PDB file of N, CA and C in Angstrom:
ATOM      1  N   UNK A   1      41.907  70.383  25.117  1.00  0.00           N
ATOM      2  CA  UNK A   1      42.240  69.531  26.509  1.00  0.00           C
ATOM      3  C   UNK A   1      43.075  70.662  27.499  1.00  0.00           C
ATOM      4  N   UNK A   2      44.103  71.460  27.191  1.00  0.00           N
ATOM      5  CA  UNK A   2      44.362  72.159  28.260  1.00  0.00           C
ATOM      6  C   UNK A   2      43.578  73.177  28.601  1.00  0.00           C
ATOM      7  N   UNK A   3      42.789  74.110  27.788  1.00  0.00           N
ATOM      8  CA  UNK A   3      41.856  75.185  27.956  1.00  0.00           C
ATOM      9  C   UNK A   3      40.750  74.473  28.814  1.00  0.00           C
ATOM     10  N   UNK A   4      40.159  73.283  28.266  1.00  0.00           N
ATOM     11  CA  UNK A   4      39.224  72.686  29.604  1.00  0.00           C
ATOM     12  C   UNK A   4      39.711  72.733  30.659  1.00  0.00           C
ATOM     13  N   UNK A   5      40.883  72.267  31.114  1.00  0.00           N
ATOM     14  CA  UNK A   5      41.666  72.072  32.286  1.00  0.00           C
ATOM     15  C   UNK A   5      41.548  73.552  32.917  1.00  0.00           C
ATOM     16  N   UNK A   6      42.141  74.285  32.356  1.00  0.00           N
ATOM     17  CA  UNK A   6      42.133  75.514  33.046  1.00  0.00           C
ATOM     18  C   UNK A   6      41.042  76.069  33.526  1.00  0.00           C
ATOM     19  N   UNK A   7      39.986  76.023  32.515  1.00  0.00           N
ATOM     20  CA  UNK A   7      38.528  76.448  32.637  1.00  0.00           C
ATOM     21  C   UNK A   7      37.641  75.887  33.955  1.00  0.00           C
ATOM     22  N   UNK A   8      37.648  74.512  33.904  1.00  0.00           N
ATOM     23  CA  UNK A   8      36.749  73.697  34.824  1.00  0.00           C
ATOM     24  C   UNK A   8      37.554  73.290  36.109  1.00  0.00           C
ATOM     25  N   UNK A   9      39.080  72.899  35.846  1.00  0.00           N
ATOM     26  CA  UNK A   9      39.387  72.100  36.885  1.00  0.00           C
ATOM     27  C   UNK A   9      40.780  73.187  37.650  1.00  0.00           C
ATOM     28  N   UNK A  10      40.622  74.701  37.359  1.00  0.00           N
ATOM     29  CA  UNK A  10      41.432  74.981  38.168  1.00  0.00           C
ATOM     30  C   UNK A  10      42.836  74.627  37.681  1.00  0.00           C
ATOM     31  N   UNK A  11      43.403  73.881  36.529  1.00  0.00           N
ATOM     32  CA  UNK A  11      44.506  73.203  37.004  1.00  0.00           C
ATOM     33  C   UNK A  11      45.031  74.610  35.462  1.00  0.00           C
ATOM     34  N   UNK A  12      46.600  74.485  35.596  1.00  0.00           N
ATOM     35  CA  UNK A  12      47.505  75.156  35.008  1.00  0.00           C
ATOM     36  C   UNK A  12      48.227  74.336  33.947  1.00  0.00           C
ATOM     37  N   UNK A  13      48.493  75.144  32.888  1.00  0.00           N
ATOM     38  CA  UNK A  13      49.248  74.575  31.745  1.00  0.00           C
ATOM     39  C   UNK A  13      50.368  75.320  31.162  1.00  0.00           C
ATOM     40  N   UNK A  14      51.400  74.897  30.875  1.00  0.00           N
ATOM     41  CA  UNK A  14      52.424  76.179  30.550  1.00  0.00           C
ATOM     42  C   UNK A  14      52.274  76.163  29.112  1.00  0.00           C
ATOM     43  N   UNK A  15      53.029  76.989  28.367  1.00  0.00           N
ATOM     44  CA  UNK A  15      53.063  77.220  27.182  1.00  0.00           C
ATOM     45  C   UNK A  15      53.775  75.929  26.240  1.00  0.00           C
ATOM     46  N   UNK A  16      54.924  75.355  27.036  1.00  0.00           N
ATOM     47  CA  UNK A  16      55.737  74.452  26.806  1.00  0.00           C
ATOM     48  C   UNK A  16      55.106  73.073  26.817  1.00  0.00           C
ATOM     49  N   UNK A  17      54.351  72.713  27.676  1.00  0.00           N
ATOM     50  CA  UNK A  17      53.561  71.549  27.775  1.00  0.00           C
ATOM     51  C   UNK A  17      52.287  71.397  26.925  1.00  0.00           C
ATOM     52  N   UNK A  18      51.956  72.735  26.698  1.00  0.00           N
ATOM     53  CA  UNK A  18      50.792  72.530  25.601  1.00  0.00           C
ATOM     54  C   UNK A  18      51.386  72.267  23.899  1.00  0.00           C
ATOM     55  N   UNK A  19      52.539  72.676  23.827  1.00  0.00           N
ATOM     56  CA  UNK A  19      52.902  72.451  22.568  1.00  0.00           C
ATOM     57  C   UNK A  19      53.380  71.090  22.318  1.00  0.00           C
ATOM     58  N   UNK A  20      54.122  70.383  23.834  1.00  0.00           N
ATOM     59  CA  UNK A  20      54.547  69.011  23.632  1.00  0.00           C
ATOM     60  C   UNK A  20      52.898  67.805  23.685  1.00  0.00           C
ATOM     61  N   UNK A  21      52.159  68.434  23.895  1.00  0.00           N
ATOM     62  CA  UNK A  21      50.865  67.710  24.001  1.00  0.00           C
ATOM     63  C   UNK A  21      50.184  67.550  22.536  1.00  0.00           C
ATOM     64  N   UNK A  22      50.299  68.629  21.699  1.00  0.00           N
ATOM     65  CA  UNK A  22      50.168  69.069  20.828  1.00  0.00           C
ATOM     66  C   UNK A  22      50.934  68.268  19.282  1.00  0.00           C
ATOM     67  N   UNK A  23      52.266  68.393  19.763  1.00  0.00           N
ATOM     68  CA  UNK A  23      52.984  67.507  18.893  1.00  0.00           C
ATOM     69  C   UNK A  23      52.816  66.330  19.090  1.00  0.00           C
ATOM     70  N   UNK A  24      52.831  65.873  20.241  1.00  0.00           N
ATOM     71  CA  UNK A  24      52.588  64.280  20.549  1.00  0.00           C
ATOM     72  C   UNK A  24      51.311  63.803  19.953  1.00  0.00           C
ATOM     73  N   UNK A  25      50.094  64.489  20.000  1.00  0.00           N
ATOM     74  CA  UNK A  25      48.913  64.151  18.950  1.00  0.00           C
ATOM     75  C   UNK A  25      49.179  63.871  17.679  1.00  0.00           C
ATOM     76  N   UNK A  26      49.658  64.980  17.015  1.00  0.00           N
ATOM     77  CA  UNK A  26      50.144  64.930  15.614  1.00  0.00           C
ATOM     78  C   UNK A  26      50.995  63.788  15.246  1.00  0.00           C
ATOM     79  N   UNK A  27      51.870  63.524  15.785  1.00  0.00           N
ATOM     80  CA  UNK A  27      53.114  62.747  15.518  1.00  0.00           C
ATOM     81  C   UNK A  27      52.441  61.027  15.615  1.00  0.00           C
ATOM     82  N   UNK A  28      51.711  60.866  16.604  1.00  0.00           N
ATOM     83  CA  UNK A  28      51.203  59.699  17.256  1.00  0.00           C
ATOM     84  C   UNK A  28      49.670  59.249  15.992  1.00  0.00           C
ATOM     85  N   UNK A  29      48.741  60.329  15.659  1.00  0.00           N
ATOM     86  CA  UNK A  29      47.771  60.019  14.819  1.00  0.00           C
ATOM     87  C   UNK A  29      48.287  60.176  13.591  1.00  0.00           C
ATOM     88  N   UNK A  30      49.498  60.960  13.150  1.00  0.00           N
ATOM     89  CA  UNK A  30      49.625  60.852  11.571  1.00  0.00           C
ATOM     90  C   UNK A  30      49.919  59.636  10.466  1.00  0.00           C
ATOM     91  N   UNK A  31      50.672  58.390  11.453  1.00  0.00           N
ATOM     92  CA  UNK A  31      50.968  57.396  10.281  1.00  0.00           C
ATOM     93  C   UNK A  31      49.442  56.718   9.907  1.00  0.00           C
ATOM     94  N   UNK A  32      48.595  57.080  10.897  1.00  0.00           N
ATOM     95  CA  UNK A  32      46.969  56.184  10.651  1.00  0.00           C
ATOM     96  C   UNK A  32      46.213  57.162   9.743  1.00  0.00           C
ATOM     97  N   UNK A  33      47.011  58.403   9.501  1.00  0.00           N
ATOM     98  CA  UNK A  33      46.104  59.053   8.356  1.00  0.00           C
ATOM     99  C   UNK A  33      45.889  58.494   6.988  1.00  0.00           C
ATOM    100  N   UNK A  34      44.774  58.633   6.173  1.00  0.00           N
ATOM    101  CA  UNK A  34      44.888  58.251   4.998  1.00  0.00           C
ATOM    102  C   UNK A  34      44.938  59.360   4.057  1.00  0.00           C
ATOM    103  N   UNK A  35      45.708  58.991   2.495  1.00  0.00           N
ATOM    104  CA  UNK A  35      45.722  59.961   1.838  1.00  0.00           C
ATOM    105  C   UNK A  35      47.472  60.446   1.451  1.00  0.00           C
ATOM    106  N   UNK A  36      47.842  61.200   0.645  1.00  0.00           N
ATOM    107  CA  UNK A  36      48.941  61.536   0.388  1.00  0.00           C
ATOM    108  C   UNK A  36      49.633  63.180   0.338  1.00  0.00           C
ATOM    109  N   UNK A  37      50.643  63.126   0.876  1.00  0.00           N
ATOM    110  CA  UNK A  37      51.306  64.652   0.455  1.00  0.00           C
ATOM    111  C   UNK A  37      51.986  65.258  -0.468  1.00  0.00           C
ATOM    112  N   UNK A  38      51.766  66.504  -0.735  1.00  0.00           N
ATOM    113  CA  UNK A  38      52.440  66.746  -2.367  1.00  0.00           C
ATOM    114  C   UNK A  38      53.834  66.944  -1.944  1.00  0.00           C
ATOM    115  N   UNK A  39      54.407  67.609  -3.357  1.00  0.00           N
ATOM    116  CA  UNK A  39      55.793  68.223  -3.267  1.00  0.00           C
ATOM    117  C   UNK A  39      55.811  69.561  -2.938  1.00  0.00           C
ATOM    118  N   UNK A  40      54.858  70.173  -2.520  1.00  0.00           N
ATOM    119  CA  UNK A  40      54.547  71.882  -2.384  1.00  0.00           C
ATOM    120  C   UNK A  40      55.477  72.366  -1.462  1.00  0.00           C
ATOM    121  N   UNK A  41      56.445  73.013  -1.336  1.00  0.00           N
ATOM    122  CA  UNK A  41      57.357  73.455  -0.478  1.00  0.00           C
ATOM    123  C   UNK A  41      56.974  73.553   0.938  1.00  0.00           C
ATOM    124  N   UNK A  42      55.691  74.286   0.854  1.00  0.00           N
ATOM    125  CA  UNK A  42      54.946  74.330   2.244  1.00  0.00           C
ATOM    126  C   UNK A  42      54.715  73.229   3.131  1.00  0.00           C
ATOM    127  N   UNK A  43      54.128  72.553   2.311  1.00  0.00           N
ATOM    128  CA  UNK A  43      53.538  71.333   2.938  1.00  0.00           C
ATOM    129  C   UNK A  43      54.983  70.443   3.451  1.00  0.00           C
ATOM    130  N   UNK A  44      56.000  70.530   2.496  1.00  0.00           N
ATOM    131  CA  UNK A  44      57.195  69.771   3.121  1.00  0.00           C
ATOM    132  C   UNK A  44      58.200  70.650   4.175  1.00  0.00           C
ATOM    133  N   UNK A  45      57.860  71.659   4.844  1.00  0.00           N
ATOM    134  CA  UNK A  45      58.009  72.619   5.699  1.00  0.00           C
ATOM    135  C   UNK A  45      57.554  71.932   7.091  1.00  0.00           C
ATOM    136  N   UNK A  46      56.280  72.134   6.785  1.00  0.00           N
ATOM    137  CA  UNK A  46      55.203  71.613   7.810  1.00  0.00           C
ATOM    138  C   UNK A  46      55.653  70.301   8.134  1.00  0.00           C
ATOM    139  N   UNK A  47      55.682  69.089   7.303  1.00  0.00           N
ATOM    140  CA  UNK A  47      55.951  68.111   7.938  1.00  0.00           C
ATOM    141  C   UNK A  47      57.593  67.785   8.261  1.00  0.00           C
ATOM    142  N   UNK A  48      58.286  68.438   7.805  1.00  0.00           N
ATOM    143  CA  UNK A  48      59.663  68.865   8.389  1.00  0.00           C
ATOM    144  C   UNK A  48      59.481  69.382   9.760  1.00  0.00           C
ATOM    145  N   UNK A  49      58.978  70.543  10.213  1.00  0.00           N
ATOM    146  CA  UNK A  49      59.014  71.022  11.116  1.00  0.00           C
ATOM    147  C   UNK A  49      58.435  70.085  12.150  1.00  0.00           C
ATOM    148  N   UNK A  50      57.443  68.787  12.008  1.00  0.00           N
ATOM    149  CA  UNK A  50      56.965  68.132  13.222  1.00  0.00           C
ATOM    150  C   UNK A  50      57.594  66.448  13.062  1.00  0.00           C
ATOM    151  N   UNK A  51      58.942  66.247  12.336  1.00  0.00           N
ATOM    152  CA  UNK A  51      59.244  65.288  12.172  1.00  0.00           C
ATOM    153  C   UNK A  51      58.566  64.201  11.644  1.00  0.00           C
ATOM    154  N   UNK A  52      57.811  64.421  10.280  1.00  0.00           N
ATOM    155  CA  UNK A  52      57.167  63.465  10.005  1.00  0.00           C
ATOM    156  C   UNK A  52      57.902  62.879   8.692  1.00  0.00           C
ATOM    157  N   UNK A  53      57.173  61.806   8.140  1.00  0.00           N
ATOM    158  CA  UNK A  53      58.026  61.290   6.509  1.00  0.00           C
ATOM    159  C   UNK A  53      56.893  61.731   5.922  1.00  0.00           C
ATOM    160  N   UNK A  54      57.213  62.197   4.855  1.00  0.00           N
ATOM    161  CA  UNK A  54      56.104  62.822   3.430  1.00  0.00           C
ATOM    162  C   UNK A  54      55.478  61.370   3.315  1.00  0.00           C
ATOM    163  N   UNK A  55      54.018  61.111   2.822  1.00  0.00           N
ATOM    164  CA  UNK A  55      53.654  59.803   2.436  1.00  0.00           C
ATOM    165  C   UNK A  55      53.215  60.484   0.784  1.00  0.00           C
ATOM    166  N   UNK A  56      54.155  59.627  -0.075  1.00  0.00           N
ATOM    167  CA  UNK A  56      54.291  60.529  -1.671  1.00  0.00           C
ATOM    168  C   UNK A  56      53.165  59.328  -2.296  1.00  0.00           C
ATOM    169  N   UNK A  57      52.470  59.385  -3.281  1.00  0.00           N
ATOM    170  CA  UNK A  57      51.952  58.547  -4.330  1.00  0.00           C
ATOM    171  C   UNK A  57      53.486  57.839  -5.145  1.00  0.00           C
ATOM    172  N   UNK A  58      52.894  56.762  -5.806  1.00  0.00           N
ATOM    173  CA  UNK A  58      53.677  55.975  -6.769  1.00  0.00           C
ATOM    174  C   UNK A  58      53.933  56.660  -7.615  1.00  0.00           C
ATOM    175  N   UNK A  59      54.732  56.663  -8.158  1.00  0.00           N
ATOM    176  CA  UNK A  59      54.841  56.854  -9.655  1.00  0.00           C
ATOM    177  C   UNK A  59      54.049  56.093 -10.608  1.00  0.00           C
ATOM    178  N   UNK A  60      53.022  56.753 -11.467  1.00  0.00           N
ATOM    179  CA  UNK A  60      52.036  56.176 -12.347  1.00  0.00           C
ATOM    180  C   UNK A  60      53.239  54.784 -13.325  1.00  0.00           C
ATOM    181  N   UNK A  61      52.661  54.132 -13.898  1.00  0.00           N
ATOM    182  CA  UNK A  61      53.145  53.301 -14.605  1.00  0.00           C
ATOM    183  C   UNK A  61      53.087  54.329 -16.460  1.00  0.00           C
ATOM    184  N   UNK A  62      53.970  54.127 -17.211  1.00  0.00           N
ATOM    185  CA  UNK A  62      54.202  54.780 -18.069  1.00  0.00           C
ATOM    186  C   UNK A  62      53.803  53.558 -19.051  1.00  0.00           C
ATOM    187  N   UNK A  63      52.818  54.313 -20.186  1.00  0.00           N
ATOM    188  CA  UNK A  63      52.376  53.070 -21.010  1.00  0.00           C
ATOM    189  C   UNK A  63      52.826  53.836 -22.256  1.00  0.00           C
ATOM    190  N   UNK A  64      53.283  53.139 -23.528  1.00  0.00           N
ATOM    191  CA  UNK A  64      53.257  53.658 -24.938  1.00  0.00           C
ATOM    192  C   UNK A  64      51.982  53.508 -25.722  1.00  0.00           C
ATOM    193  N   UNK A  65      51.737  54.980 -26.080  1.00  0.00           N
ATOM    194  CA  UNK A  65      50.481  54.731 -26.975  1.00  0.00           C
ATOM    195  C   UNK A  65      51.184  55.164 -27.748  1.00  0.00           C
ATOM    196  N   UNK A  66      50.838  54.552 -29.330  1.00  0.00           N
ATOM    197  CA  UNK A  66      50.970  55.047 -30.434  1.00  0.00           C
ATOM    198  C   UNK A  66      49.823  55.752 -31.876  1.00  0.00           C
ATOM    199  N   UNK A  67      49.921  56.838 -31.823  1.00  0.00           N
ATOM    200  CA  UNK A  67      48.881  57.190 -32.768  1.00  0.00           C
ATOM    201  C   UNK A  67      48.927  56.785 -33.983  1.00  0.00           C
ATOM    202  N   UNK A  68      47.480  56.379 -34.456  1.00  0.00           N
ATOM    203  CA  UNK A  68      47.604  55.619 -35.907  1.00  0.00           C
ATOM    204  C   UNK A  68      46.704  56.590 -36.633  1.00  0.00           C
ATOM    205  N   UNK A  69      47.310  56.921 -37.944  1.00  0.00           N
ATOM    206  CA  UNK A  69      46.622  57.997 -38.926  1.00  0.00           C
ATOM    207  C   UNK A  69      45.540  56.999 -39.307  1.00  0.00           C
ATOM    208  N   UNK A  70      44.542  58.404 -39.762  1.00  0.00           N
ATOM    209  CA  UNK A  70      43.219  57.719 -40.203  1.00  0.00           C
ATOM    210  C   UNK A  70      43.342  57.698 -41.507  1.00  0.00           C
ATOM    211  N   UNK A  71      42.479  56.475 -42.395  1.00  0.00           N
ATOM    212  CA  UNK A  71      42.658  56.493 -44.015  1.00  0.00           C
ATOM    213  C   UNK A  71      42.540  57.359 -45.057  1.00  0.00           C
ATOM    214  N   UNK A  72      43.611  57.506 -45.965  1.00  0.00           N
ATOM    215  CA  UNK A  72      43.436  58.660 -46.587  1.00  0.00           C
ATOM    216  C   UNK A  72      42.146  59.544 -46.920  1.00  0.00           C
ATOM    217  N   UNK A  73      42.464  61.264 -47.115  1.00  0.00           N
ATOM    218  CA  UNK A  73      41.198  61.694 -46.828  1.00  0.00           C
ATOM    219  C   UNK A  73      40.241  61.736 -45.766  1.00  0.00           C
ATOM    220  N   UNK A  74      40.461  61.036 -44.796  1.00  0.00           N
ATOM    221  CA  UNK A  74      39.776  60.718 -43.637  1.00  0.00           C
ATOM    222  C   UNK A  74      40.418  61.785 -42.162  1.00  0.00           C
ATOM    223  N   UNK A  75      39.747  62.324 -41.547  1.00  0.00           N
ATOM    224  CA  UNK A  75      40.194  63.234 -40.290  1.00  0.00           C
ATOM    225  C   UNK A  75      40.082  62.584 -38.985  1.00  0.00           C
ATOM    226  N   UNK A  76      40.979  62.837 -38.384  1.00  0.00           N
ATOM    227  CA  UNK A  76      41.040  61.773 -36.778  1.00  0.00           C
ATOM    228  C   UNK A  76      40.274  63.243 -35.885  1.00  0.00           C
ATOM    229  N   UNK A  77      39.550  62.720 -34.940  1.00  0.00           N
ATOM    230  CA  UNK A  77      39.434  63.550 -34.000  1.00  0.00           C
ATOM    231  C   UNK A  77      39.635  63.316 -32.474  1.00  0.00           C
ATOM    232  N   UNK A  78      40.674  63.903 -31.752  1.00  0.00           N
ATOM    233  CA  UNK A  78      40.889  63.796 -30.229  1.00  0.00           C
ATOM    234  C   UNK A  78      40.265  64.619 -29.668  1.00  0.00           C
ATOM    235  N   UNK A  79      39.337  63.983 -28.138  1.00  0.00           N
ATOM    236  CA  UNK A  79      38.724  65.156 -27.656  1.00  0.00           C
ATOM    237  C   UNK A  79      39.115  64.715 -26.255  1.00  0.00           C
ATOM    238  N   UNK A  80      38.742  65.461 -25.397  1.00  0.00           N
ATOM    239  CA  UNK A  80      38.540  65.460 -23.941  1.00  0.00           C
ATOM    240  C   UNK A  80      37.656  66.435 -22.993  1.00  0.00           C
ATOM    241  N   UNK A  81      37.118  66.103 -22.305  1.00  0.00           N
ATOM    242  CA  UNK A  81      35.954  66.919 -21.568  1.00  0.00           C
ATOM    243  C   UNK A  81      36.796  66.423 -19.499  1.00  0.00           C
ATOM    244  N   UNK A  82      36.473  67.715 -18.878  1.00  0.00           N
ATOM    245  CA  UNK A  82      37.164  67.763 -17.684  1.00  0.00           C
ATOM    246  C   UNK A  82      36.163  68.468 -16.934  1.00  0.00           C
ATOM    247  N   UNK A  83      36.408  68.253 -15.417  1.00  0.00           N
ATOM    248  CA  UNK A  83      35.673  68.794 -14.506  1.00  0.00           C
ATOM    249  C   UNK A  83      36.545  69.296 -13.284  1.00  0.00           C
ATOM    250  N   UNK A  84      36.824  70.461 -12.938  1.00  0.00           N
ATOM    251  CA  UNK A  84      37.105  70.531 -11.745  1.00  0.00           C
ATOM    252  C   UNK A  84      36.504  71.452 -11.054  1.00  0.00           C
ATOM    253  N   UNK A  85      36.506  71.121  -9.465  1.00  0.00           N
ATOM    254  CA  UNK A  85      35.252  71.388  -8.595  1.00  0.00           C
ATOM    255  C   UNK A  85      33.922  71.240  -9.419  1.00  0.00           C
ATOM    256  N   UNK A  86      33.305  72.209 -10.054  1.00  0.00           N
ATOM    257  CA  UNK A  86      31.902  71.975 -10.386  1.00  0.00           C
ATOM    258  C   UNK A  86      32.183  72.766 -11.683  1.00  0.00           C
ATOM    259  N   UNK A  87      33.059  73.099 -12.499  1.00  0.00           N
ATOM    260  CA  UNK A  87      33.205  73.929 -13.358  1.00  0.00           C
ATOM    261  C   UNK A  87      33.818  72.470 -14.485  1.00  0.00           C
ATOM    262  N   UNK A  88      32.842  72.660 -15.768  1.00  0.00           N
ATOM    263  CA  UNK A  88      33.366  71.763 -16.551  1.00  0.00           C
ATOM    264  C   UNK A  88      33.679  72.768 -18.053  1.00  0.00           C
ATOM    265  N   UNK A  89      34.872  71.770 -18.487  1.00  0.00           N
ATOM    266  CA  UNK A  89      35.476  71.974 -19.727  1.00  0.00           C
ATOM    267  C   UNK A  89      35.520  70.979 -20.986  1.00  0.00           C
ATOM    268  N   UNK A  90      35.818  71.706 -22.182  1.00  0.00           N
ATOM    269  CA  UNK A  90      36.029  70.260 -23.103  1.00  0.00           C
ATOM    270  C   UNK A  90      36.852  71.213 -24.277  1.00  0.00           C
ATOM    271  N   UNK A  91      37.156  70.104 -25.203  1.00  0.00           N
ATOM    272  CA  UNK A  91      38.240  70.381 -26.029  1.00  0.00           C
ATOM    273  C   UNK A  91      38.714  69.667 -26.918  1.00  0.00           C
ATOM    274  N   UNK A  92      39.143  69.920 -28.142  1.00  0.00           N
ATOM    275  CA  UNK A  92      39.224  68.500 -28.965  1.00  0.00           C
ATOM    276  C   UNK A  92      40.347  69.267 -30.085  1.00  0.00           C
ATOM    277  N   UNK A  93      40.859  68.194 -30.718  1.00  0.00           N
ATOM    278  CA  UNK A  93      41.778  68.678 -32.259  1.00  0.00           C
ATOM    279  C   UNK A  93      41.902  67.833 -33.231  1.00  0.00           C
ATOM    280  N   UNK A  94      41.826  68.170 -34.623  1.00  0.00           N
ATOM    281  CA  UNK A  94      41.825  67.440 -35.662  1.00  0.00           C
ATOM    282  C   UNK A  94      43.091  67.137 -36.643  1.00  0.00           C
ATOM    283  N   UNK A  95      43.225  65.906 -37.062  1.00  0.00           N
ATOM    284  CA  UNK A  95      44.259  65.887 -37.915  1.00  0.00           C
ATOM    285  C   UNK A  95      44.006  65.022 -38.862  1.00  0.00           C
ATOM    286  N   UNK A  96      44.819  65.246 -39.835  1.00  0.00           N
ATOM    287  CA  UNK A  96      44.599  64.688 -41.504  1.00  0.00           C
ATOM    288  C   UNK A  96      45.205  63.185 -41.401  1.00  0.00           C
ATOM    289  N   UNK A  97      45.352  62.814 -42.355  1.00  0.00           N
ATOM    290  CA  UNK A  97      46.188  61.245 -42.790  1.00  0.00           C
ATOM    291  C   UNK A  97      47.736  61.478 -42.616  1.00  0.00           C
ATOM    292  N   UNK A  98      47.698  62.648 -42.711  1.00  0.00           N
ATOM    293  CA  UNK A  98      49.706  63.069 -42.666  1.00  0.00           C
ATOM    294  C   UNK A  98      49.800  63.742 -41.568  1.00  0.00           C
ATOM    295  N   UNK A  99      48.877  63.362 -40.065  1.00  0.00           N
ATOM    296  CA  UNK A  99      49.167  64.011 -38.749  1.00  0.00           C
ATOM    297  C   UNK A  99      49.167  65.571 -39.163  1.00  0.00           C
ATOM    298  N   UNK A 100      48.659  66.316 -39.719  1.00  0.00           N
ATOM    299  CA  UNK A 100      48.771  67.603 -39.797  1.00  0.00           C
ATOM    300  C   UNK A 100      47.413  67.997 -38.987  1.00  0.00           C
ATOM    301  N   UNK A 101      47.781  69.049 -38.148  1.00  0.00           N
ATOM    302  CA  UNK A 101      46.450  69.846 -37.467  1.00  0.00           C
ATOM    303  C   UNK A 101      45.624  70.559 -38.687  1.00  0.00           C
ATOM    304  N   UNK A 102      44.513  70.029 -38.562  1.00  0.00           N
ATOM    305  CA  UNK A 102      43.345  71.100 -39.300  1.00  0.00           C
ATOM    306  C   UNK A 102      42.703  71.849 -38.774  1.00  0.00           C
ATOM    307  N   UNK A 103      42.525  71.734 -37.242  1.00  0.00           N
ATOM    308  CA  UNK A 103      41.679  72.498 -36.326  1.00  0.00           C
ATOM    309  C   UNK A 103      41.655  72.017 -35.195  1.00  0.00           C
ATOM    310  N   UNK A 104      41.264  72.914 -34.469  1.00  0.00           N
ATOM    311  CA  UNK A 104      40.888  72.636 -32.676  1.00  0.00           C
ATOM    312  C   UNK A 104      40.043  73.149 -32.132  1.00  0.00           C
ATOM    313  N   UNK A 105      39.435  73.292 -30.795  1.00  0.00           N
ATOM    314  CA  UNK A 105      38.815  73.731 -30.191  1.00  0.00           C
ATOM    315  C   UNK A 105      38.541  73.695 -28.666  1.00  0.00           C
ATOM    316  N   UNK A 106      38.617  74.740 -27.875  1.00  0.00           N
ATOM    317  CA  UNK A 106      38.379  74.512 -26.425  1.00  0.00           C
ATOM    318  C   UNK A 106      37.129  75.122 -26.025  1.00  0.00           C
ATOM    319  N   UNK A 107      36.160  74.739 -24.961  1.00  0.00           N
ATOM    320  CA  UNK A 107      35.407  75.780 -24.529  1.00  0.00           C
ATOM    321  C   UNK A 107      34.803  75.377 -23.029  1.00  0.00           C
ATOM    322  N   UNK A 108      34.200  76.540 -22.477  1.00  0.00           N
ATOM    323  CA  UNK A 108      33.956  76.014 -21.105  1.00  0.00           C
ATOM    324  C   UNK A 108      32.803  76.068 -21.132  1.00  0.00           C
ATOM    325  N   UNK A 109      32.351  74.989 -20.237  1.00  0.00           N
ATOM    326  CA  UNK A 109      30.674  74.598 -20.367  1.00  0.00           C
ATOM    327  C   UNK A 109      30.104  75.198 -18.884  1.00  0.00           C
ATOM    328  N   UNK A 110      30.915  75.764 -17.875  1.00  0.00           N
ATOM    329  CA  UNK A 110      30.091  76.389 -17.023  1.00  0.00           C
ATOM    330  C   UNK A 110      30.182  75.230 -16.048  1.00  0.00           C
ATOM    331  N   UNK A 111      29.101  75.063 -15.046  1.00  0.00           N
ATOM    332  CA  UNK A 111      28.680  74.022 -13.881  1.00  0.00           C
ATOM    333  C   UNK A 111      28.446  73.002 -14.697  1.00  0.00           C
ATOM    334  N   UNK A 112      28.753  71.607 -14.401  1.00  0.00           N
ATOM    335  CA  UNK A 112      28.078  70.308 -15.414  1.00  0.00           C
ATOM    336  C   UNK A 112      29.330  69.159 -14.710  1.00  0.00           C
ATOM    337  N   UNK A 113      28.662  67.883 -14.802  1.00  0.00           N
ATOM    338  CA  UNK A 113      29.055  66.782 -14.909  1.00  0.00           C
ATOM    339  C   UNK A 113      30.416  66.273 -16.088  1.00  0.00           C
ATOM    340  N   UNK A 114      31.429  65.552 -15.308  1.00  0.00           N
ATOM    341  CA  UNK A 114      32.240  64.648 -15.990  1.00  0.00           C
ATOM    342  C   UNK A 114      31.284  64.090 -17.269  1.00  0.00           C
ATOM    343  N   UNK A 115      30.337  63.232 -16.786  1.00  0.00           N
ATOM    344  CA  UNK A 115      29.278  62.848 -18.390  1.00  0.00           C
ATOM    345  C   UNK A 115      28.884  64.107 -19.317  1.00  0.00           C
ATOM    346  N   UNK A 116      28.559  65.049 -18.687  1.00  0.00           N
ATOM    347  CA  UNK A 116      28.074  66.114 -19.663  1.00  0.00           C
ATOM    348  C   UNK A 116      29.011  66.408 -20.481  1.00  0.00           C
ATOM    349  N   UNK A 117      30.404  66.775 -19.740  1.00  0.00           N
ATOM    350  CA  UNK A 117      31.433  67.372 -20.330  1.00  0.00           C
ATOM    351  C   UNK A 117      31.977  66.650 -21.663  1.00  0.00           C
ATOM    352  N   UNK A 118      31.918  65.251 -21.191  1.00  0.00           N
ATOM    353  CA  UNK A 118      32.707  64.375 -22.284  1.00  0.00           C
ATOM    354  C   UNK A 118      31.317  64.297 -23.282  1.00  0.00           C
ATOM    355  N   UNK A 119      30.420  64.368 -23.292  1.00  0.00           N
ATOM    356  CA  UNK A 119      28.885  63.858 -24.188  1.00  0.00           C
ATOM    357  C   UNK A 119      28.861  65.545 -25.052  1.00  0.00           C
ATOM    358  N   UNK A 120      28.961  66.471 -24.137  1.00  0.00           N
ATOM    359  CA  UNK A 120      28.741  67.970 -25.085  1.00  0.00           C
ATOM    360  C   UNK A 120      30.376  67.861 -25.911  1.00  0.00           C
ATOM    361  N   UNK A 121      31.324  67.120 -25.684  1.00  0.00           N
ATOM    362  CA  UNK A 121      33.089  67.155 -26.103  1.00  0.00           C
ATOM    363  C   UNK A 121      32.551  66.660 -27.734  1.00  0.00           C
ATOM    364  N   UNK A 122      31.655  65.305 -27.398  1.00  0.00           N
ATOM    365  CA  UNK A 122      31.536  64.481 -28.769  1.00  0.00           C
ATOM    366  C   UNK A 122      30.423  65.301 -30.017  1.00  0.00           C
ATOM    367  N   UNK A 123      29.441  65.925 -29.288  1.00  0.00           N
ATOM    368  CA  UNK A 123      28.864  66.604 -30.114  1.00  0.00           C
ATOM    369  C   UNK A 123      29.428  67.911 -30.752  1.00  0.00           C
ATOM    370  N   UNK A 124      30.320  68.514 -30.104  1.00  0.00           N
ATOM    371  CA  UNK A 124      30.602  69.755 -30.354  1.00  0.00           C
ATOM    372  C   UNK A 124      31.989  69.268 -31.731  1.00  0.00           C
ATOM    373  N   UNK A 125      32.433  68.192 -31.523  1.00  0.00           N
ATOM    374  CA  UNK A 125      33.415  67.462 -32.448  1.00  0.00           C
ATOM    375  C   UNK A 125      33.132  66.729 -33.755  1.00  0.00           C
ATOM    376  N   UNK A 126      31.510  66.444 -33.631  1.00  0.00           N
ATOM    377  CA  UNK A 126      30.845  66.103 -34.591  1.00  0.00           C
ATOM    378  C   UNK A 126      30.176  67.297 -35.535  1.00  0.00           C
ATOM    379  N   UNK A 127      29.949  68.254 -34.789  1.00  0.00           N
ATOM    380  CA  UNK A 127      29.350  69.456 -35.321  1.00  0.00           C
ATOM    381  C   UNK A 127      30.403  70.067 -36.444  1.00  0.00           C
TER     382      UNK A 127
END
């Protein structure tokens, strides 16, 4: 806005006036923004510089999950597939009826979807 005023209207804007306009625009528009901030130090410094209150996510509910051992002489496979960006990976581990580790695997699957990663994980575990 300041640049356009100088270029097309022959107006003059001081550095302090430009900083004030930018700060005002940030502070007035920030409360209407969606999303959350992280606890990253750099992000916190930026928010502090603009006197903005961080918008943190609510803590997730913690649920108790109990592992149930398989029947005698059986194995239990716990698997998961994951995608970050466009790169898929999967992994799993196997435990016996005494909860002893019997084996595990992890594999990079390359480009793929979460559905592909989950299905591939099951196939590898079955093999």
